[in-house]
Protein backbone atom coordinates (compact mmCIF):
# COMPACT_ATOMS: atom_id res chain seq x y z
CA UNK A 1 131.12 162.11 144.91
CA UNK A 2 132.53 158.76 145.59
CA UNK A 3 135.88 157.64 145.35
CA UNK A 4 137.75 155.30 146.27
CA UNK A 5 140.46 155.45 149.14
CA UNK A 6 144.17 155.75 148.90
CA UNK A 7 147.10 154.92 151.71
CA UNK A 8 146.80 158.71 152.53
CA UNK A 9 143.18 158.13 153.75
CA UNK A 10 143.82 155.07 155.49
CA UNK A 11 144.21 157.35 159.12
CA UNK A 12 141.38 159.42 158.61
CA UNK A 13 139.37 156.23 158.08
CA UNK A 14 140.55 154.62 161.03
CA UNK A 15 139.44 157.32 162.79
CA UNK A 16 136.11 157.28 161.45
CA UNK A 17 135.43 153.71 162.25
CA UNK A 18 136.76 153.78 165.67
CA UNK A 19 133.81 155.47 167.08
CA UNK A 20 131.11 153.29 165.07
CA UNK A 21 132.84 149.96 165.36
CA UNK A 22 129.44 148.56 166.71
CA UNK A 23 127.75 148.56 163.00
CA UNK A 24 131.26 148.92 161.42
CA UNK A 25 133.15 145.18 162.39
CA UNK A 26 133.12 144.09 159.44
CA UNK A 27 134.49 147.00 157.87
CA UNK A 28 137.34 147.21 160.59
CA UNK A 29 138.18 143.29 161.18
CA UNK A 30 138.79 143.44 157.17
CA UNK A 31 141.05 146.69 157.19
CA UNK A 32 142.53 145.01 160.45
CA UNK A 33 143.19 141.95 158.61
CA UNK A 34 143.78 142.73 155.50
CA UNK A 35 144.90 146.52 154.88
CA UNK A 36 143.71 148.90 152.83
CA UNK A 37 142.34 147.55 148.92
CA UNK A 38 144.06 144.72 149.52
CA UNK A 39 143.86 141.60 147.37
CA UNK A 40 143.86 137.77 147.27
CA UNK A 41 141.96 136.66 149.89
CA UNK A 42 137.91 136.39 150.33
CA UNK A 43 137.67 138.99 152.68
CA UNK A 44 140.45 140.89 151.20
CA UNK A 45 138.72 144.08 150.61
CA UNK A 46 138.61 147.72 148.45
CA UNK A 47 137.29 150.62 150.81
CA UNK A 48 135.56 153.39 149.21
CA UNK A 49 134.55 156.88 150.76
CA UNK A 50 132.84 160.14 150.46
CA UNK A 51 133.70 163.46 152.61
CA UNK A 52 132.82 166.99 153.71
CA UNK A 53 134.69 169.93 154.77
CA UNK A 54 134.87 168.31 157.96
CA UNK A 55 136.39 164.79 156.53
CA UNK A 56 134.62 161.32 156.13
CA UNK A 57 131.68 161.15 155.84
CA UNK A 58 130.38 157.76 154.50
CA UNK A 59 132.15 154.45 154.01
CA UNK A 60 131.93 151.40 151.67
CA UNK A 61 133.69 148.37 151.51
CA UNK A 62 133.27 145.53 148.80
CA UNK A 63 135.11 142.35 150.08
CA UNK A 64 136.93 139.77 147.20
CA UNK A 65 133.72 137.05 147.87
CA UNK A 66 131.25 139.50 146.77
CA UNK A 67 129.72 140.76 150.39
CA UNK A 68 129.43 144.42 150.20
CA UNK A 69 129.29 146.26 153.14
CA UNK A 70 129.37 149.77 154.54
CA UNK A 71 129.17 152.42 157.28
CA UNK A 72 127.06 154.91 155.58
CA UNK A 73 125.16 157.78 158.42
CA UNK A 74 125.12 160.49 156.03
CA UNK A 75 124.16 158.26 152.48
CA UNK A 76 121.66 159.90 150.34
CA UNK A 77 119.57 159.39 146.74
CA UNK A 78 121.82 161.69 145.41
CA UNK A 79 124.76 159.86 145.74
CA UNK A 80 123.33 156.69 143.80
CA UNK A 81 124.33 157.28 140.36
CA UNK A 82 128.44 157.73 142.24
CA UNK A 83 127.84 154.20 144.53
CA UNK A 84 126.87 152.30 141.47
CA UNK A 85 130.11 153.68 139.19
CA UNK A 86 132.26 153.08 141.42
CA UNK A 87 130.41 149.21 141.76
CA UNK A 88 130.14 148.47 138.04
CA UNK A 89 131.43 145.34 136.53
CA UNK A 90 132.45 143.68 139.90
CA UNK A 91 130.10 140.64 141.79
CA UNK A 92 128.27 140.95 144.62
CA UNK A 93 126.56 138.05 147.16
CA UNK A 94 125.74 140.39 149.93
CA UNK A 95 125.35 143.66 151.28
CA UNK A 96 124.94 144.07 154.53
CA UNK A 97 125.01 147.28 157.58
CA UNK A 98 122.83 149.84 159.97
CA UNK A 99 119.33 148.92 159.61
CA UNK A 100 119.23 152.60 158.01
CA UNK A 101 121.22 153.10 155.78
CA UNK A 102 121.19 149.92 154.56
CA UNK A 103 117.35 150.51 152.91
CA UNK A 104 119.51 153.63 151.72
CA UNK A 105 121.97 151.80 149.94
CA UNK A 106 119.53 149.12 148.63
CA UNK A 107 117.49 151.06 146.82
CA UNK A 108 120.85 153.18 145.13
CA UNK A 109 122.08 150.24 143.97
CA UNK A 110 118.96 149.39 142.11
CA UNK A 111 118.69 145.66 142.83
CA UNK A 112 115.68 144.25 141.31
CA UNK A 113 113.49 142.73 143.63
CA UNK A 114 114.20 138.64 141.87
CA UNK A 115 117.62 139.74 142.97
CA UNK A 116 116.75 139.23 146.44
CA UNK A 117 117.25 136.23 148.24
CA UNK A 118 117.20 136.86 151.53
CA UNK A 119 116.55 140.36 153.49
CA UNK A 120 115.43 141.29 156.99
CA UNK A 121 116.94 143.39 159.80
CA UNK A 122 118.23 141.42 162.55
CA UNK A 123 118.42 142.24 166.46
CA UNK A 124 122.00 144.02 167.27
CA UNK A 125 123.27 143.26 170.30
CA UNK A 126 126.46 144.52 172.79
CA UNK A 127 127.96 143.00 175.33
CA UNK A 128 129.55 145.89 177.53
CA UNK A 129 133.62 144.92 179.36
CA UNK A 130 132.56 142.56 182.59
CA UNK A 131 128.86 141.87 181.80
CA UNK A 132 129.73 138.40 180.81
CA UNK A 133 127.61 135.27 182.47
CA UNK A 134 128.93 132.02 181.82
CA UNK A 135 126.20 129.24 182.22
CA UNK A 136 126.82 125.97 184.29
CA UNK A 137 127.91 122.56 182.45
CA UNK A 138 129.99 119.70 181.73
CA UNK A 139 130.29 121.00 177.81
CA UNK A 140 133.99 122.20 176.96
CA UNK A 141 134.91 124.68 174.08
CA UNK A 142 138.12 123.68 171.86
CA UNK A 143 139.42 125.11 168.01
CA UNK A 144 138.18 123.93 165.51
CA UNK A 145 140.66 121.96 163.43
CA UNK A 146 140.76 120.79 159.42
CA UNK A 147 139.18 117.44 160.22
CA UNK A 148 136.09 119.15 161.34
CA UNK A 149 136.13 120.92 157.82
CA UNK A 150 133.19 118.49 156.36
CA UNK A 151 131.29 118.86 159.34
CA UNK A 152 131.71 122.50 159.56
CA UNK A 153 130.66 122.85 155.98
CA UNK A 154 127.22 120.72 156.47
CA UNK A 155 126.17 122.92 159.96
CA UNK A 156 127.12 126.01 157.47
CA UNK A 157 125.29 124.67 155.04
CA UNK A 158 121.85 124.47 157.40
CA UNK A 159 122.67 127.34 158.95
CA UNK A 160 122.28 129.21 155.66
CA UNK A 161 119.10 127.51 154.55
CA UNK A 162 117.51 128.16 157.63
CA UNK A 163 118.20 132.05 158.44
CA UNK A 164 118.69 132.73 154.73
CA UNK A 165 116.83 130.15 152.69
CA UNK A 166 119.38 129.22 150.52
CA UNK A 167 119.08 126.44 147.98
CA UNK A 168 120.64 123.49 147.35
CA UNK A 169 123.08 124.50 144.79
CA UNK A 170 126.60 124.10 144.09
CA UNK A 171 127.65 127.71 144.33
CA UNK A 172 125.85 127.58 147.91
CA UNK A 173 128.07 124.05 148.86
CA UNK A 174 131.13 125.81 147.81
CA UNK A 175 130.68 128.76 149.66
CA UNK A 176 129.96 126.84 152.58
CA UNK A 177 132.90 124.76 152.47
CA UNK A 178 135.35 127.62 151.62
CA UNK A 179 133.67 129.79 154.72
CA UNK A 180 134.40 126.33 156.71
CA UNK A 181 137.99 125.97 156.06
CA UNK A 182 138.48 129.79 156.42
CA UNK A 183 137.22 129.67 159.97
CA UNK A 184 139.63 126.58 160.88
CA UNK A 185 143.09 128.50 158.79
CA UNK A 186 141.92 131.55 161.03
CA UNK A 187 141.97 130.14 164.28
CA UNK A 188 138.55 132.35 165.17
CA UNK A 189 135.97 129.13 165.08
CA UNK A 190 135.38 126.65 167.88
CA UNK A 191 133.92 123.69 168.81
CA UNK A 192 131.47 123.35 171.55
CA UNK A 193 131.99 118.96 172.57
CA UNK A 194 129.95 116.81 175.45
CA UNK A 195 131.38 113.83 175.90
CA UNK A 196 133.54 112.86 173.39
CA UNK A 197 131.09 114.43 170.18
CA UNK A 198 130.70 118.13 168.11
CA UNK A 199 127.54 119.41 169.65
CA UNK A 200 127.47 123.01 168.51
CA UNK A 201 130.27 125.52 166.76
CA UNK A 202 130.96 128.99 167.21
CA UNK A 203 133.19 131.82 165.73
CA UNK A 204 134.14 135.45 165.42
CA UNK A 205 133.36 137.12 162.27
CA UNK A 206 135.69 139.82 163.28
CA UNK A 207 138.69 140.40 165.79
CA UNK A 208 140.00 143.78 167.23
CA UNK A 209 142.57 144.79 169.40
CA UNK A 210 138.89 145.25 172.26
CA UNK A 211 136.15 144.30 170.45
CA UNK A 212 135.09 140.85 169.04
CA UNK A 213 132.23 139.99 166.43
CA UNK A 214 130.50 137.06 167.19
CA UNK A 215 129.33 134.68 163.96
CA UNK A 216 128.23 131.67 163.11
CA UNK A 217 126.16 129.77 165.77
CA UNK A 218 124.85 126.55 164.90
CA UNK A 219 123.56 124.34 167.21
CA UNK A 220 122.22 121.13 165.11
CA UNK A 221 118.55 120.55 165.44
CA UNK A 222 118.30 117.53 167.07
CA UNK A 223 120.67 118.66 170.16
CA UNK A 224 118.82 122.29 170.47
CA UNK A 225 116.89 122.92 174.08
CA UNK A 226 119.92 122.35 176.03
CA UNK A 227 121.97 125.27 176.10
CA UNK A 228 124.72 124.33 173.32
CA UNK A 229 124.62 127.45 171.59
CA UNK A 230 124.58 129.63 174.86
CA UNK A 231 127.71 128.10 176.68
CA UNK A 232 129.57 127.98 173.10
CA UNK A 233 129.41 131.69 172.88
CA UNK A 234 130.34 132.20 176.42
CA UNK A 235 133.10 129.80 176.38
CA UNK A 236 134.87 131.81 173.43
CA UNK A 237 134.11 135.27 174.58
CA UNK A 238 135.73 133.77 178.18
CA UNK A 239 138.80 133.29 175.61
CA UNK A 240 138.69 136.53 174.31
CA UNK A 241 138.42 138.56 177.30
CA UNK A 242 141.45 136.81 178.77
CA UNK A 243 143.65 137.98 175.56
CA UNK A 244 142.00 141.53 176.21
CA UNK A 245 138.62 141.44 173.75
CA UNK A 246 136.36 142.48 176.62
CA UNK A 247 133.31 143.23 174.73
CA UNK A 248 131.58 141.84 172.22
CA UNK A 249 128.83 142.21 168.84
CA UNK A 250 126.28 140.31 167.74
CA UNK A 251 123.17 139.92 165.35
CA UNK A 252 120.61 137.39 166.35
CA UNK A 253 118.59 134.98 163.75
CA UNK A 254 115.76 135.09 165.68
CA UNK A 255 113.71 135.13 169.29
CA UNK A 256 114.66 131.85 170.45
CA UNK A 257 118.80 133.19 169.94
CA UNK A 258 117.74 136.93 171.07
CA UNK A 259 116.91 134.80 174.32
CA UNK A 260 119.81 133.32 174.76
CA UNK A 261 121.84 135.91 173.89
CA UNK A 262 120.70 137.96 176.54
CA UNK A 263 121.08 135.60 179.12
CA UNK A 264 125.16 135.59 178.93
CA UNK A 265 124.96 139.36 179.48
CA UNK A 266 123.94 140.67 175.91
CA UNK A 267 121.96 143.79 175.65
CA UNK A 268 120.34 145.29 172.61
CA UNK A 269 121.88 148.38 170.81
CA UNK A 270 119.24 148.45 167.28
CA UNK A 271 118.70 146.42 163.89
CA UNK A 272 121.31 145.01 161.73
CA UNK A 273 120.25 144.71 158.15
CA UNK A 274 121.96 141.41 155.99
CA UNK A 275 120.18 140.69 152.14
CA UNK A 276 121.78 137.41 150.98
CA UNK A 277 121.27 137.99 146.92
CA UNK A 278 119.77 134.61 145.55
CA UNK A 279 122.47 134.34 143.00
CA UNK A 280 126.13 136.66 142.37
CA UNK A 281 125.29 139.58 140.75
CA UNK A 282 128.21 141.42 138.62
CA UNK A 283 126.84 145.05 139.38
CA UNK A 284 125.77 147.18 136.17
CA UNK A 285 125.18 144.53 133.98
CA UNK A 286 120.80 144.02 134.52
CA UNK A 287 120.84 144.62 138.51
C-alpha cells in the first residue's frame, strides 16, 4: 500500500535515501531544499512511500512543476493501483529513476504511447572524491546573472530540443524560461567565458552536503569540439570541492558527452531512465 509520507516518517525517509544517493539525488535534494510535502516552488515535492516490517521499501516524489521521481527498488505490479490513486488528479510532465524500477513504474501508470515524448536509459556516471581532472585552458567560469536569463533560456530550450525532441510550443518555451530564472535565483548555474563571451553553461540540479548532481550542460553547436563542456563542469566541481562536496553524479546524453565526462574523472555506474511526456498529463484522466 502506498501512502503519503508524514513528518513522523522524515528520519526514516532520510535514512532510506542516504545510502541510495546516486539514484535519489532529485528526491534528496528537493527534500533538503524545501522540506517534506512543501508547496510554493517548482521543485517543492510531495512524498509517498511503501513499507514492510523492516521499514521503508520505496519512495516516490512529485515536484510541484510535475516531475515525478522515485527510489523504488522493491516496486512490483501489485502496487500499480495504489500508485495511480496517489497521483490521481495531479499533473505530471516527466518521470525519472533508476532504469530497472523506472520500467515497472512507467508500466504501472498505464500511460498511452502517444503521451510519451522521450524515453531513454541514459548512462549514469559518478565522480569519486579525489578523482576530478581539471583540463588546462584559458576559459573561466562565472555565476549566471539576471542579464543571462534570455540567453540561458535559449540554451535550455536548445538542449531540450536536441536531447528530448521538445517542440516549439508555448509550454516548452515557458519551462525553459522558468528553469533559467531558477538557475540564477538558486546560484547553481555557471557560464564559461572565453575572451569576454559566453561559450558554455553548466549547473547543479541538486546539492547535498557531500555530493552534487550536475545537469544542464550545454555548448552551442558552433562552439563544440573545443573542450568547453568538460572544462565548465570540471571548474564548477572544483568550486564544489572547495565547499566540501567531494563527489558528484550526472547522466550523459550520448557517447560524446560520456567521453567528455570520463576525461575529467567520472566512471559509469549504471543507467538512469529519463521520460519526458509529450505534454502535461493529469493523472487518472485518460492517461
